[in-house]
Amino acid sequence: MGWYDENSHVETKAVGLKYPNELGLFDMSGNVLEWCQDWHDWDYYKECEKQGIVENPLGPAEGSDRVLRGGSWDHDARLCRCTYRYHSSPEHRSYRLGFRLVLPFQSDG
């Protein structure tokens, strides 16, 4: 399902070479860490839980680092999952980082 340190041959791969996840999304685990819109805050999820916000919190309004998710081709398999959260300065560039373009869902009805 994903590219990680033991199967990537030390390189990124084209999207769609592995099976999709249960939601039909490709490459959500491994290959490259994905930049997220959320600002990083170590205690943010703990604070949300205290307030009763436990499903899809929006993230802090500001910060210095952005969240990265999903693991990379050079990570151990246990770190290559969409729940794995890493963080870095938005100015940081690396061959291990990428992003995913997303369109809002529009129903047919």
N, C-alpha and C. Protein backbone atom coordinates (compact mmCIF):
# COMPACT_ATOMS: atom_id res chain seq x y z
N MET A 1 0.81 -1.20 0.00
CA MET A 1 0.00 0.00 0.00
C MET A 1 0.86 1.26 0.00
N GLY A 2 2.07 1.20 0.54
CA GLY A 2 2.87 2.41 0.61
C GLY A 2 4.36 2.16 0.38
N TRP A 3 5.07 3.22 0.06
CA TRP A 3 6.52 3.14 -0.14
C TRP A 3 7.21 3.58 1.14
N TYR A 4 8.16 2.79 1.61
CA TYR A 4 8.91 3.10 2.82
C TYR A 4 10.35 2.59 2.66
N ASP A 5 11.15 2.69 3.71
CA ASP A 5 12.59 2.43 3.58
C ASP A 5 12.95 1.05 3.05
N GLU A 6 12.13 0.03 3.28
CA GLU A 6 12.51 -1.32 2.86
C GLU A 6 12.04 -1.70 1.45
N ASN A 7 11.18 -0.88 0.82
CA ASN A 7 10.72 -1.26 -0.52
C ASN A 7 10.84 -0.15 -1.57
N SER A 8 11.35 1.01 -1.18
CA SER A 8 11.38 2.16 -2.09
C SER A 8 12.62 2.24 -2.97
N HIS A 9 13.64 1.46 -2.65
CA HIS A 9 14.93 1.54 -3.36
C HIS A 9 15.51 2.96 -3.31
N VAL A 10 15.28 3.65 -2.18
CA VAL A 10 15.83 4.97 -1.88
C VAL A 10 15.43 6.01 -2.93
N GLU A 11 14.15 6.03 -3.29
CA GLU A 11 13.68 7.01 -4.27
C GLU A 11 12.17 7.20 -4.16
N THR A 12 11.69 8.35 -4.60
CA THR A 12 10.25 8.57 -4.68
C THR A 12 9.69 7.78 -5.86
N LYS A 13 8.40 7.54 -5.83
CA LYS A 13 7.74 6.75 -6.87
C LYS A 13 6.57 7.55 -7.46
N ALA A 14 6.19 7.20 -8.67
CA ALA A 14 5.01 7.80 -9.30
C ALA A 14 3.75 7.41 -8.52
N VAL A 15 2.79 8.31 -8.45
CA VAL A 15 1.54 8.05 -7.75
C VAL A 15 0.76 6.94 -8.44
N GLY A 16 0.14 6.06 -7.65
CA GLY A 16 -0.74 5.04 -8.17
C GLY A 16 -0.10 3.69 -8.45
N LEU A 17 1.15 3.48 -8.07
CA LEU A 17 1.80 2.20 -8.31
C LEU A 17 1.43 1.15 -7.26
N LYS A 18 0.91 1.58 -6.13
CA LYS A 18 0.45 0.68 -5.07
C LYS A 18 -1.07 0.73 -5.02
N TYR A 19 -1.67 -0.23 -4.31
CA TYR A 19 -3.11 -0.24 -4.13
C TYR A 19 -3.57 0.99 -3.35
N PRO A 20 -4.79 1.49 -3.60
CA PRO A 20 -5.31 2.61 -2.80
C PRO A 20 -5.70 2.13 -1.40
N ASN A 21 -5.89 3.10 -0.48
CA ASN A 21 -6.36 2.75 0.86
C ASN A 21 -7.86 2.46 0.83
N GLU A 22 -8.46 2.24 1.98
CA GLU A 22 -9.88 1.88 2.04
C GLU A 22 -10.81 2.99 1.57
N LEU A 23 -10.30 4.22 1.45
CA LEU A 23 -11.09 5.34 0.94
C LEU A 23 -10.87 5.56 -0.56
N GLY A 24 -10.02 4.74 -1.16
CA GLY A 24 -9.74 4.86 -2.58
C GLY A 24 -8.66 5.88 -2.90
N LEU A 25 -7.93 6.34 -1.88
CA LEU A 25 -6.88 7.34 -2.07
C LEU A 25 -5.52 6.66 -2.21
N PHE A 26 -4.74 7.12 -3.16
CA PHE A 26 -3.42 6.56 -3.40
C PHE A 26 -2.34 7.32 -2.65
N ASP A 27 -1.33 6.59 -2.22
CA ASP A 27 -0.09 7.15 -1.65
C ASP A 27 -0.31 8.07 -0.46
N MET A 28 -1.24 7.71 0.41
CA MET A 28 -1.43 8.46 1.65
C MET A 28 -0.42 7.99 2.71
N SER A 29 0.20 6.86 2.49
CA SER A 29 1.18 6.30 3.42
C SER A 29 2.50 6.13 2.70
N GLY A 30 3.51 6.84 3.19
CA GLY A 30 4.83 6.73 2.58
C GLY A 30 4.99 7.56 1.32
N ASN A 31 6.01 7.28 0.57
CA ASN A 31 6.43 7.99 -0.65
C ASN A 31 7.01 9.35 -0.30
N VAL A 32 6.19 10.37 -0.02
CA VAL A 32 6.71 11.65 0.46
C VAL A 32 5.83 12.15 1.60
N LEU A 33 6.44 12.85 2.55
CA LEU A 33 5.68 13.55 3.58
C LEU A 33 4.85 14.62 2.90
N GLU A 34 3.62 14.80 3.31
CA GLU A 34 2.75 15.79 2.68
C GLU A 34 2.54 16.99 3.58
N TRP A 35 2.79 18.18 3.01
CA TRP A 35 2.51 19.43 3.71
C TRP A 35 1.01 19.53 3.96
N CYS A 36 0.64 19.99 5.13
CA CYS A 36 -0.77 20.22 5.47
C CYS A 36 -0.99 21.71 5.74
N GLN A 37 -2.22 22.13 5.67
CA GLN A 37 -2.57 23.53 5.93
C GLN A 37 -2.42 23.88 7.41
N ASP A 38 -2.58 22.91 8.29
CA ASP A 38 -2.55 23.15 9.74
C ASP A 38 -1.20 23.65 10.23
N TRP A 39 -1.26 24.61 11.15
CA TRP A 39 -0.08 25.00 11.89
C TRP A 39 0.16 23.96 12.97
N HIS A 40 1.41 23.75 13.34
CA HIS A 40 1.75 22.75 14.35
C HIS A 40 1.72 23.37 15.75
N ASP A 41 1.19 22.61 16.70
CA ASP A 41 1.20 22.98 18.12
C ASP A 41 1.21 21.69 18.91
N TRP A 42 2.24 21.46 19.71
CA TRP A 42 2.39 20.20 20.45
C TRP A 42 1.16 19.86 21.28
N ASP A 43 0.53 20.85 21.89
CA ASP A 43 -0.57 20.60 22.82
C ASP A 43 -1.95 20.81 22.23
N TYR A 44 -2.05 21.09 20.95
CA TYR A 44 -3.33 21.45 20.35
C TYR A 44 -4.39 20.36 20.49
N TYR A 45 -4.06 19.11 20.20
CA TYR A 45 -5.05 18.04 20.28
C TYR A 45 -5.48 17.78 21.72
N LYS A 46 -4.57 17.92 22.66
CA LYS A 46 -4.93 17.77 24.08
C LYS A 46 -5.93 18.85 24.48
N GLU A 47 -5.69 20.07 24.03
CA GLU A 47 -6.60 21.18 24.35
C GLU A 47 -7.97 20.98 23.69
N CYS A 48 -7.99 20.49 22.47
CA CYS A 48 -9.26 20.21 21.78
C CYS A 48 -10.05 19.15 22.54
N GLU A 49 -9.36 18.11 22.98
CA GLU A 49 -10.03 17.03 23.70
C GLU A 49 -10.66 17.56 25.00
N LYS A 50 -9.96 18.44 25.71
CA LYS A 50 -10.50 19.05 26.93
C LYS A 50 -11.77 19.83 26.64
N GLN A 51 -11.86 20.43 25.43
CA GLN A 51 -13.02 21.22 25.04
C GLN A 51 -14.11 20.37 24.39
N GLY A 52 -13.87 19.06 24.26
CA GLY A 52 -14.86 18.18 23.66
C GLY A 52 -14.80 18.12 22.14
N ILE A 53 -13.77 18.71 21.54
CA ILE A 53 -13.59 18.67 20.09
C ILE A 53 -12.66 17.50 19.78
N VAL A 54 -13.23 16.40 19.33
CA VAL A 54 -12.41 15.21 19.12
C VAL A 54 -12.39 14.74 17.66
N GLU A 55 -13.21 15.33 16.82
CA GLU A 55 -13.26 14.91 15.42
C GLU A 55 -12.89 16.06 14.49
N ASN A 56 -11.81 15.88 13.75
CA ASN A 56 -11.34 16.82 12.74
C ASN A 56 -11.22 18.28 13.22
N PRO A 57 -10.40 18.52 14.25
CA PRO A 57 -10.20 19.92 14.66
C PRO A 57 -9.51 20.71 13.56
N LEU A 58 -9.78 22.00 13.49
CA LEU A 58 -9.28 22.84 12.40
C LEU A 58 -7.79 23.17 12.50
N GLY A 59 -7.21 23.06 13.64
CA GLY A 59 -5.80 23.41 13.81
C GLY A 59 -5.66 24.82 14.36
N PRO A 60 -4.51 25.14 14.94
CA PRO A 60 -4.28 26.47 15.48
C PRO A 60 -4.38 27.55 14.40
N ALA A 61 -4.73 28.75 14.80
CA ALA A 61 -4.89 29.86 13.86
C ALA A 61 -3.55 30.37 13.34
N GLU A 62 -2.49 30.13 14.08
CA GLU A 62 -1.16 30.61 13.66
C GLU A 62 -0.08 29.74 14.28
N GLY A 63 1.14 29.92 13.82
CA GLY A 63 2.27 29.17 14.34
C GLY A 63 3.51 29.43 13.51
N SER A 64 4.58 28.71 13.82
CA SER A 64 5.82 28.89 13.07
C SER A 64 6.11 27.69 12.17
N ASP A 65 5.56 26.52 12.51
CA ASP A 65 5.77 25.31 11.70
C ASP A 65 4.43 24.80 11.17
N ARG A 66 4.47 24.18 10.00
CA ARG A 66 3.29 23.52 9.42
C ARG A 66 3.38 22.02 9.68
N VAL A 67 2.23 21.37 9.69
CA VAL A 67 2.17 19.92 9.89
C VAL A 67 2.52 19.20 8.59
N LEU A 68 3.24 18.11 8.72
CA LEU A 68 3.53 17.18 7.63
C LEU A 68 2.98 15.82 8.04
N ARG A 69 2.40 15.09 7.09
CA ARG A 69 1.81 13.79 7.42
C ARG A 69 2.21 12.72 6.42
N GLY A 70 2.10 11.46 6.85
CA GLY A 70 2.16 10.33 5.94
C GLY A 70 3.46 9.57 5.84
N GLY A 71 4.55 10.08 6.36
CA GLY A 71 5.82 9.38 6.23
C GLY A 71 6.42 9.51 4.84
N SER A 72 7.63 9.04 4.70
CA SER A 72 8.38 9.20 3.46
C SER A 72 9.02 7.88 3.04
N TRP A 73 9.52 7.83 1.82
CA TRP A 73 10.18 6.65 1.29
C TRP A 73 11.37 6.20 2.11
N ASP A 74 11.94 7.09 2.93
CA ASP A 74 13.10 6.71 3.73
C ASP A 74 12.75 6.51 5.21
N HIS A 75 11.47 6.48 5.55
CA HIS A 75 11.04 6.22 6.92
C HIS A 75 10.76 4.74 7.14
N ASP A 76 10.86 4.33 8.38
CA ASP A 76 10.45 3.01 8.80
C ASP A 76 8.95 2.85 8.55
N ALA A 77 8.48 1.66 8.24
CA ALA A 77 7.07 1.41 7.89
C ALA A 77 6.11 1.91 8.97
N ARG A 78 6.48 1.82 10.25
CA ARG A 78 5.56 2.24 11.31
C ARG A 78 5.28 3.74 11.29
N LEU A 79 6.15 4.54 10.65
CA LEU A 79 5.94 5.98 10.55
C LEU A 79 5.21 6.37 9.27
N CYS A 80 4.98 5.43 8.39
CA CYS A 80 4.33 5.72 7.10
C CYS A 80 2.83 5.45 7.17
N ARG A 81 2.15 6.33 7.87
CA ARG A 81 0.69 6.25 7.98
C ARG A 81 0.15 7.68 8.05
N CYS A 82 -1.08 7.87 7.62
CA CYS A 82 -1.61 9.24 7.53
C CYS A 82 -1.77 9.89 8.90
N THR A 83 -1.79 9.12 9.97
CA THR A 83 -1.90 9.71 11.31
C THR A 83 -0.56 10.16 11.87
N TYR A 84 0.53 9.79 11.23
CA TYR A 84 1.86 10.22 11.67
C TYR A 84 2.00 11.72 11.41
N ARG A 85 2.27 12.49 12.47
CA ARG A 85 2.41 13.94 12.35
C ARG A 85 3.85 14.36 12.61
N TYR A 86 4.37 15.12 11.69
CA TYR A 86 5.70 15.70 11.77
C TYR A 86 5.50 17.20 11.58
N HIS A 87 6.51 18.00 11.76
CA HIS A 87 6.35 19.43 11.52
C HIS A 87 7.65 20.04 11.02
N SER A 88 7.51 21.15 10.31
CA SER A 88 8.68 21.84 9.78
C SER A 88 8.30 23.27 9.41
N SER A 89 9.30 24.11 9.31
CA SER A 89 9.09 25.48 8.87
C SER A 89 8.60 25.49 7.42
N PRO A 90 7.65 26.36 7.07
CA PRO A 90 7.16 26.42 5.69
C PRO A 90 8.25 26.73 4.65
N GLU A 91 9.37 27.29 5.08
CA GLU A 91 10.46 27.59 4.17
C GLU A 91 11.33 26.38 3.86
N HIS A 92 11.16 25.31 4.64
CA HIS A 92 11.98 24.11 4.47
C HIS A 92 11.67 23.41 3.15
N ARG A 93 12.69 22.99 2.43
CA ARG A 93 12.54 22.26 1.17
C ARG A 93 13.33 20.97 1.25
N SER A 94 12.78 19.90 0.67
CA SER A 94 13.44 18.61 0.68
C SER A 94 12.84 17.70 -0.38
N TYR A 95 13.62 16.77 -0.88
CA TYR A 95 13.14 15.78 -1.84
C TYR A 95 12.21 14.77 -1.17
N ARG A 96 12.06 14.81 0.14
CA ARG A 96 11.16 13.92 0.88
C ARG A 96 9.79 14.56 1.13
N LEU A 97 9.58 15.79 0.68
CA LEU A 97 8.35 16.53 0.96
C LEU A 97 7.54 16.77 -0.30
N GLY A 98 6.22 16.77 -0.17
CA GLY A 98 5.33 17.06 -1.29
C GLY A 98 4.02 17.63 -0.77
N PHE A 99 3.06 17.77 -1.65
CA PHE A 99 1.73 18.22 -1.24
C PHE A 99 0.70 17.60 -2.16
N ARG A 100 -0.54 17.63 -1.74
CA ARG A 100 -1.63 17.02 -2.49
C ARG A 100 -2.66 18.10 -2.77
N LEU A 101 -3.00 18.24 -4.03
CA LEU A 101 -4.05 19.18 -4.40
C LEU A 101 -5.40 18.54 -4.16
N VAL A 102 -6.32 19.28 -3.54
CA VAL A 102 -7.62 18.73 -3.18
C VAL A 102 -8.71 19.69 -3.64
N LEU A 103 -9.75 19.14 -4.26
CA LEU A 103 -10.92 19.92 -4.63
C LEU A 103 -12.03 19.63 -3.65
N PRO A 104 -12.85 20.64 -3.33
CA PRO A 104 -13.98 20.37 -2.43
C PRO A 104 -14.98 19.42 -3.10
N PHE A 105 -15.61 18.59 -2.29
CA PHE A 105 -16.60 17.65 -2.79
C PHE A 105 -17.85 18.39 -3.22
N GLN A 106 -18.35 18.05 -4.39
CA GLN A 106 -19.60 18.64 -4.89
C GLN A 106 -20.55 17.50 -5.21
N SER A 107 -21.70 17.48 -4.53
CA SER A 107 -22.66 16.41 -4.77
C SER A 107 -23.39 16.64 -6.09
N ASP A 108 -23.91 15.58 -6.66
CA ASP A 108 -24.64 15.66 -7.92
C ASP A 108 -26.05 16.19 -7.72
N GLY A 109 -26.53 16.22 -6.51
CA GLY A 109 -27.92 16.62 -6.26
C GLY A 109 -28.03 17.93 -5.69
